[in-house]
């Protein structure tokens, strides 16, 4: 079944912003070319609690537990240190509109990352296979789209494990990335994920607007090199917005890459702040 009704809501949005504001910062500013410059703006209490360093790439902030390799040549040969890259990400599918989205992406030779819900993977395994075969990245968005911060560790682990099994049954591999529903995470979620936890730097608010023109305008106006843009492919208005986004950003010289490609194929343990 589709998880559209569970997508997001005002209460969850406020909780996510509160989590984002709690993150300390060591800023890595990545320009259009070359490496960035480190500028320390840490909040000692948070740094001491998490033991992690927070970096910013383009407009995105991330919490890193391992060495960061940003924008080196990926498996497709795209070097995001030399060209403008953007990662389009789609949550809550697969669903009845995903195939139309895949056709739009193919028309621009665009790659994207799909954070899929396990129940929907079980319902539409063929769509997941087609998505993977087209060169897109598949990440986990849990089995049933709960707020993981309200669950015990064993239940969080089960949400990821069950989704892993469904994805592996569909495409033969376990997802390397996860995104928690509602963007809600805590130390337990990071620990149980056991892989990069990916958020976003541009929220199109497509779940709220349900208006293709507004969604496209939000994405186009907000993007910067290194942006990770959040969409939901369960909404037809979002799928209708994508051709305009692809056309506009292509004209501005952007390359559309997966999240892993944005990090040269080696994403660190990551938590993006939401912007």
Protein backbone atom coordinates (compact mmCIF):
# COMPACT_ATOMS: atom_id res chain seq x y z
CA UNK A 1 0.00 0.00 0.00
CA UNK A 2 1.02 3.64 -0.47
CA UNK A 3 2.11 5.54 2.63
CA UNK A 4 1.00 8.92 1.28
CA UNK A 5 -1.25 9.76 4.19
CA UNK A 6 1.67 9.21 6.57
CA UNK A 7 4.05 11.44 4.62
CA UNK A 8 4.48 14.46 6.88
CA UNK A 9 2.65 17.01 8.96
CA UNK A 10 3.14 20.30 10.85
CA UNK A 11 3.89 18.62 14.18
CA UNK A 12 6.61 16.44 12.76
CA UNK A 13 8.11 19.37 10.87
CA UNK A 14 8.58 21.31 14.10
CA UNK A 15 10.22 18.34 15.77
CA UNK A 16 12.63 17.93 12.85
CA UNK A 17 13.67 21.56 12.95
CA UNK A 18 14.32 21.24 16.67
CA UNK A 19 16.59 18.28 16.05
CA UNK A 20 18.43 20.15 13.31
CA UNK A 21 19.08 23.16 15.52
CA UNK A 22 20.67 20.90 18.14
CA UNK A 23 23.56 19.97 15.84
CA UNK A 24 26.97 21.59 16.36
CA UNK A 25 28.90 22.84 13.32
CA UNK A 26 32.33 22.68 11.75
CA UNK A 27 31.65 24.19 8.34
CA UNK A 28 33.18 22.92 5.11
CA UNK A 29 32.24 25.36 2.36
CA UNK A 30 32.38 23.70 -1.04
CA UNK A 31 32.51 26.03 -4.02
CA UNK A 32 31.94 25.27 -7.68
CA UNK A 33 35.45 23.89 -7.98
CA UNK A 34 38.11 22.59 -5.66
CA UNK A 35 38.12 21.78 -1.97
CA UNK A 36 36.44 23.90 0.68
CA UNK A 37 37.70 25.75 3.73
CA UNK A 38 37.13 24.60 7.30
CA UNK A 39 35.61 27.17 9.64
CA UNK A 40 34.92 26.10 13.22
CA UNK A 41 31.61 27.17 14.79
CA UNK A 42 31.16 24.39 17.32
CA UNK A 43 28.78 24.11 20.24
CA UNK A 44 30.97 22.19 22.75
CA UNK A 45 28.13 20.47 24.64
CA UNK A 46 26.75 18.81 21.53
CA UNK A 47 30.17 17.89 20.18
CA UNK A 48 31.05 16.25 23.48
CA UNK A 49 27.77 14.32 23.53
CA UNK A 50 27.92 12.95 20.00
CA UNK A 51 31.65 12.79 19.34
CA UNK A 52 30.85 13.78 15.78
CA UNK A 53 31.88 16.62 13.49
CA UNK A 54 29.28 18.52 11.53
CA UNK A 55 30.12 19.78 8.06
CA UNK A 56 28.31 21.81 5.43
CA UNK A 57 28.48 21.07 1.72
CA UNK A 58 26.79 23.65 -0.47
CA UNK A 59 23.64 24.37 1.56
CA UNK A 60 23.69 21.04 3.40
CA UNK A 61 25.00 20.22 6.85
CA UNK A 62 26.04 16.76 7.92
CA UNK A 63 27.27 14.86 10.92
CA UNK A 64 30.30 12.80 10.09
CA UNK A 65 31.74 9.92 12.08
CA UNK A 66 34.34 8.93 9.47
CA UNK A 67 36.64 10.76 7.08
CA UNK A 68 34.75 12.79 4.47
CA UNK A 69 35.41 12.35 0.77
CA UNK A 70 33.42 15.04 -1.01
CA UNK A 71 32.85 15.36 -4.73
CA UNK A 72 35.57 13.10 -6.05
CA UNK A 73 34.91 11.29 -9.34
CA UNK A 74 32.08 8.80 -8.95
CA UNK A 75 31.53 5.49 -10.69
CA UNK A 76 29.81 7.38 -13.54
CA UNK A 77 32.77 9.71 -14.00
CA UNK A 78 31.00 12.82 -12.66
CA UNK A 79 33.39 14.95 -10.63
CA UNK A 80 31.31 17.25 -8.45
CA UNK A 81 34.38 19.29 -7.58
CA UNK A 82 34.51 20.45 -11.19
CA UNK A 83 30.84 20.59 -12.18
CA UNK A 84 27.68 21.70 -10.39
CA UNK A 85 25.95 18.66 -8.92
CA UNK A 86 22.59 18.26 -7.24
CA UNK A 87 21.05 15.16 -5.69
CA UNK A 88 17.30 14.75 -6.21
CA UNK A 89 15.78 12.45 -3.59
CA UNK A 90 12.30 10.91 -3.53
CA UNK A 91 10.61 9.50 -0.42
CA UNK A 92 7.68 7.21 0.41
CA UNK A 93 7.44 5.19 -2.83
CA UNK A 94 7.38 3.22 -4.90
CA UNK A 95 3.86 3.96 -6.04
CA UNK A 96 1.61 4.38 -9.01
CA UNK A 97 3.38 7.52 -10.26
CA UNK A 98 6.97 6.32 -9.97
CA UNK A 99 7.18 4.92 -13.51
CA UNK A 100 6.19 8.30 -14.97
CA UNK A 101 8.91 9.91 -12.86
CA UNK A 102 11.46 7.42 -14.15
CA UNK A 103 10.60 8.38 -17.72
CA UNK A 104 11.15 12.08 -16.96
CA UNK A 105 14.50 11.37 -15.32
CA UNK A 106 15.58 9.22 -18.27
CA UNK A 107 14.81 12.02 -20.71
CA UNK A 108 17.50 14.14 -19.03
CA UNK A 109 19.85 11.25 -18.22
CA UNK A 110 19.36 12.22 -14.59
CA UNK A 111 20.21 9.99 -11.64
CA UNK A 112 18.32 10.23 -8.35
CA UNK A 113 18.02 8.52 -4.98
CA UNK A 114 14.78 6.83 -3.89
CA UNK A 115 14.16 6.28 -0.18
CA UNK A 116 11.53 3.56 -0.34
CA UNK A 117 9.04 2.27 2.23
CA UNK A 118 9.30 -1.49 2.74
CA UNK A 119 5.56 -2.12 2.51
CA UNK A 120 5.51 -0.40 -0.87
CA UNK A 121 8.55 -2.36 -2.02
CA UNK A 122 6.68 -5.57 -1.23
CA UNK A 123 3.66 -4.29 -3.16
CA UNK A 124 5.60 -2.98 -6.18
CA UNK A 125 8.87 -4.94 -6.47
CA UNK A 126 8.91 -4.51 -10.24
CA UNK A 127 9.04 -0.74 -9.95
CA UNK A 128 11.98 -0.99 -7.55
CA UNK A 129 13.78 -3.26 -10.01
CA UNK A 130 13.17 -0.82 -12.86
CA UNK A 131 14.36 2.07 -10.72
CA UNK A 132 17.57 0.27 -9.81
CA UNK A 133 18.14 -0.92 -13.39
CA UNK A 134 17.89 2.67 -14.62
CA UNK A 135 20.90 3.60 -12.48
CA UNK A 136 19.15 5.22 -9.55
CA UNK A 137 20.10 4.63 -5.93
CA UNK A 138 17.74 2.82 -3.57
CA UNK A 139 17.73 3.75 0.12
CA UNK A 140 15.62 2.64 3.07
CA UNK A 141 12.76 4.72 4.46
CA UNK A 142 11.76 1.98 6.96
CA UNK A 143 9.07 -0.67 6.67
CA UNK A 144 5.92 1.19 7.75
CA UNK A 145 6.95 4.86 8.05
CA UNK A 146 6.78 5.32 11.86
CA UNK A 147 8.39 8.01 13.99
CA UNK A 148 11.48 6.06 15.01
CA UNK A 149 12.30 8.37 17.90
CA UNK A 150 9.23 7.06 19.73
CA UNK A 151 10.27 3.41 19.40
CA UNK A 152 12.65 1.18 21.40
CA UNK A 153 15.93 0.16 19.81
CA UNK A 154 14.74 -3.34 18.92
CA UNK A 155 11.74 -1.98 17.02
CA UNK A 156 13.89 0.56 15.17
CA UNK A 157 16.28 -2.21 14.19
CA UNK A 158 13.37 -4.36 12.97
CA UNK A 159 12.04 -1.52 10.80
CA UNK A 160 15.37 -1.30 8.99
CA UNK A 161 15.96 -5.06 8.83
CA UNK A 162 12.57 -5.89 7.33
CA UNK A 163 12.98 -3.18 4.70
CA UNK A 164 16.49 -4.43 3.92
CA UNK A 165 15.09 -7.88 3.21
CA UNK A 166 12.38 -6.53 0.92
CA UNK A 167 14.83 -4.40 -1.05
CA UNK A 168 17.34 -7.23 -1.35
CA UNK A 169 14.58 -9.55 -2.58
CA UNK A 170 13.73 -7.01 -5.29
CA UNK A 171 17.18 -5.92 -6.51
CA UNK A 172 19.65 -8.34 -4.93
CA UNK A 173 21.48 -5.87 -2.69
CA UNK A 174 20.96 -4.27 0.71
CA UNK A 175 20.49 -0.49 0.73
CA UNK A 176 23.56 1.49 1.77
CA UNK A 177 21.67 4.60 2.87
CA UNK A 178 18.68 5.29 5.11
CA UNK A 179 16.38 8.23 5.72
CA UNK A 180 14.15 8.20 8.82
CA UNK A 181 10.46 9.08 8.35
CA UNK A 182 9.58 12.70 9.12
CA UNK A 183 13.32 13.38 9.36
CA UNK A 184 13.03 12.34 13.00
CA UNK A 185 16.19 10.84 14.47
CA UNK A 186 18.10 10.51 17.71
CA UNK A 187 21.14 8.61 18.95
CA UNK A 188 19.22 5.32 18.95
CA UNK A 189 18.17 5.75 15.33
CA UNK A 190 21.72 6.58 14.23
CA UNK A 191 23.06 3.54 16.06
CA UNK A 192 20.47 1.11 14.71
CA UNK A 193 20.73 2.41 11.14
CA UNK A 194 24.34 1.18 10.92
CA UNK A 195 24.91 3.17 7.72
CA UNK A 196 24.70 6.79 6.52
CA UNK A 197 21.54 8.59 7.66
CA UNK A 198 20.65 11.03 4.90
CA UNK A 199 18.48 14.10 5.34
CA UNK A 200 18.20 17.07 2.96
CA UNK A 201 19.19 20.70 2.44
CA UNK A 202 16.18 21.79 0.34
CA UNK A 203 12.63 20.86 1.33
CA UNK A 204 10.20 21.49 -1.54
CA UNK A 205 7.20 21.09 0.80
CA UNK A 206 5.53 19.12 -1.97
CA UNK A 207 3.58 17.14 0.63
CA UNK A 208 1.94 20.40 1.74
CA UNK A 209 1.50 22.32 -1.51
CA UNK A 210 0.37 19.53 -3.87
CA UNK A 211 0.95 22.16 -6.57
CA UNK A 212 3.43 21.35 -9.33
CA UNK A 213 4.24 25.00 -10.10
CA UNK A 214 5.02 25.80 -6.45
CA UNK A 215 7.07 22.64 -6.02
CA UNK A 216 9.15 23.35 -9.12
CA UNK A 217 9.66 26.99 -8.13
CA UNK A 218 10.81 26.04 -4.62
CA UNK A 219 13.37 23.56 -5.97
CA UNK A 220 14.68 25.85 -8.70
CA UNK A 221 15.05 28.91 -6.48
CA UNK A 222 16.62 27.07 -3.55
CA UNK A 223 19.21 24.89 -5.27
CA UNK A 224 22.95 25.43 -4.91
CA UNK A 225 25.87 23.18 -5.89
CA UNK A 226 25.85 20.24 -3.51
CA UNK A 227 22.16 20.52 -2.61
CA UNK A 228 20.14 17.47 -1.62
CA UNK A 229 16.50 18.15 -2.57
CA UNK A 230 13.56 16.40 -0.92
CA UNK A 231 10.54 15.29 -2.96
CA UNK A 232 7.86 12.59 -2.55
CA UNK A 233 7.07 10.52 -5.64
CA UNK A 234 3.71 9.38 -4.22
CA UNK A 235 2.20 12.75 -5.19
CA UNK A 236 1.20 13.27 -8.86
CA UNK A 237 1.79 17.02 -8.51
CA UNK A 238 5.42 16.31 -7.63
CA UNK A 239 5.91 14.04 -10.62
CA UNK A 240 4.41 16.73 -12.87
CA UNK A 241 6.88 19.28 -11.44
CA UNK A 242 10.02 17.29 -12.18
CA UNK A 243 10.33 17.96 -15.95
CA UNK A 244 10.38 21.71 -15.27
CA UNK A 245 12.98 21.24 -12.52
CA UNK A 246 15.16 19.11 -14.78
CA UNK A 247 14.88 21.50 -17.71
CA UNK A 248 15.65 24.62 -15.67
CA UNK A 249 18.57 23.20 -13.72
CA UNK A 250 20.05 21.54 -16.82
CA UNK A 251 20.13 24.94 -18.52
CA UNK A 252 22.01 26.28 -15.50
CA UNK A 253 24.66 23.59 -15.89
CA UNK A 254 23.65 21.21 -13.10
CA UNK A 255 24.35 17.49 -13.20
CA UNK A 256 21.84 15.21 -11.48
CA UNK A 257 23.59 12.59 -9.35
CA UNK A 258 22.75 10.13 -6.61
CA UNK A 259 23.61 10.89 -3.00
CA UNK A 260 26.51 8.44 -3.12
CA UNK A 261 27.79 10.00 -6.35
CA UNK A 262 27.68 13.41 -4.69
CA UNK A 263 30.29 12.03 -2.27
CA UNK A 264 32.38 10.28 -4.88
CA UNK A 265 30.78 6.91 -4.18
CA UNK A 266 31.86 6.97 -0.52
CA UNK A 267 29.30 8.77 1.64
CA UNK A 268 30.28 9.07 5.29
CA UNK A 269 27.99 8.53 8.26
CA UNK A 270 25.80 11.52 7.62
CA UNK A 271 23.00 13.51 9.13
CA UNK A 272 21.95 16.47 6.98
CA UNK A 273 20.30 19.39 8.66
CA UNK A 274 17.09 20.53 7.05
CA UNK A 275 16.96 23.84 5.24
